Amino acid sequence: MKLQEIREKTVDELKAAVVDYKKQLFDLRVQKSLHKLENTAQIGKLKHEIAQIKTVINEKSEKSE
């Protein structure tokens, strides 16, 4: 998801996306531990995506105060 797409979503949608991405991250970590994950860079990309979403959530919550 691009940063512009993230900024267009509501806080509730973003929080739901974080939960979904964390589930995906857990699955990737399990695959890695079982040596079934071929592209380990996916873990880093997913962490980066989660961080971007959390940053936008914080920006939006500060803006509404």
Protein backbone atom coordinates (compact mmCIF):
# COMPACT_ATOMS: atom_id res chain seq x y z
CA MET A 1 0.00 0.00 0.00
CA LYS A 2 1.38 3.39 -0.92
CA LEU A 3 1.65 6.21 1.58
CA GLN A 4 -0.99 8.27 -0.24
CA GLU A 5 -3.45 5.37 -0.01
CA ILE A 6 -2.69 5.03 3.70
CA ARG A 7 -3.36 8.71 4.33
CA GLU A 8 -6.77 8.50 2.61
CA LYS A 9 -8.07 5.81 4.97
CA THR A 10 -9.76 6.38 8.32
CA VAL A 11 -8.12 5.57 11.64
CA ASP A 12 -10.37 2.53 12.16
CA GLU A 13 -9.45 1.13 8.74
CA LEU A 14 -5.79 1.68 9.50
CA LYS A 15 -6.03 -0.08 12.85
CA ALA A 16 -7.68 -3.03 11.14
CA ALA A 17 -4.88 -3.07 8.56
CA VAL A 18 -2.26 -3.15 11.33
CA VAL A 19 -3.93 -6.17 12.91
CA ASP A 20 -4.05 -7.91 9.54
CA TYR A 21 -0.40 -7.13 8.80
CA LYS A 22 0.67 -8.37 12.23
CA LYS A 23 -1.05 -11.69 11.52
CA GLN A 24 0.78 -11.89 8.19
CA LEU A 25 4.06 -11.06 9.95
CA PHE A 26 3.49 -13.86 12.43
CA ASP A 27 2.84 -16.31 9.60
CA LEU A 28 6.03 -15.21 7.84
CA ARG A 29 8.04 -15.67 11.03
CA VAL A 30 6.65 -19.18 11.45
CA GLN A 31 7.52 -20.00 7.85
CA LYS A 32 11.03 -18.65 8.39
CA SER A 33 11.56 -20.77 11.48
CA LEU A 34 10.43 -23.85 9.54
CA HIS A 35 12.79 -22.91 6.68
CA LYS A 36 9.90 -22.65 4.23
CA LEU A 37 10.17 -18.91 3.57
CA GLU A 38 12.02 -18.24 0.33
CA ASN A 39 11.99 -14.44 0.34
CA THR A 40 12.99 -13.27 3.82
CA ALA A 41 12.88 -9.64 2.68
CA GLN A 42 9.09 -9.84 2.99
CA ILE A 43 9.45 -9.63 6.77
CA GLY A 44 11.29 -6.31 6.59
CA LYS A 45 8.87 -4.88 4.06
CA LEU A 46 5.91 -5.83 6.23
CA LYS A 47 7.50 -4.26 9.32
CA HIS A 48 8.10 -1.07 7.32
CA GLU A 49 4.47 -1.03 6.18
CA ILE A 50 3.23 -1.45 9.77
CA ALA A 51 5.48 1.40 10.93
CA GLN A 52 4.16 3.69 8.19
CA ILE A 53 0.56 2.93 9.12
CA LYS A 54 1.21 3.51 12.82
CA THR A 55 2.87 6.83 12.01
CA VAL A 56 -0.15 7.99 10.01
CA ILE A 57 -2.47 6.88 12.83
CA ASN A 58 -0.46 8.99 15.29
CA GLU A 59 -0.50 11.96 12.93
CA LYS A 60 -4.26 11.73 12.53
CA SER A 61 -4.88 11.37 16.27
CA GLU A 62 -2.70 14.42 17.04
CA LYS A 63 -4.48 16.40 14.34
CA SER A 64 -7.92 15.66 15.79
CA GLU A 65 -6.95 16.82 19.30
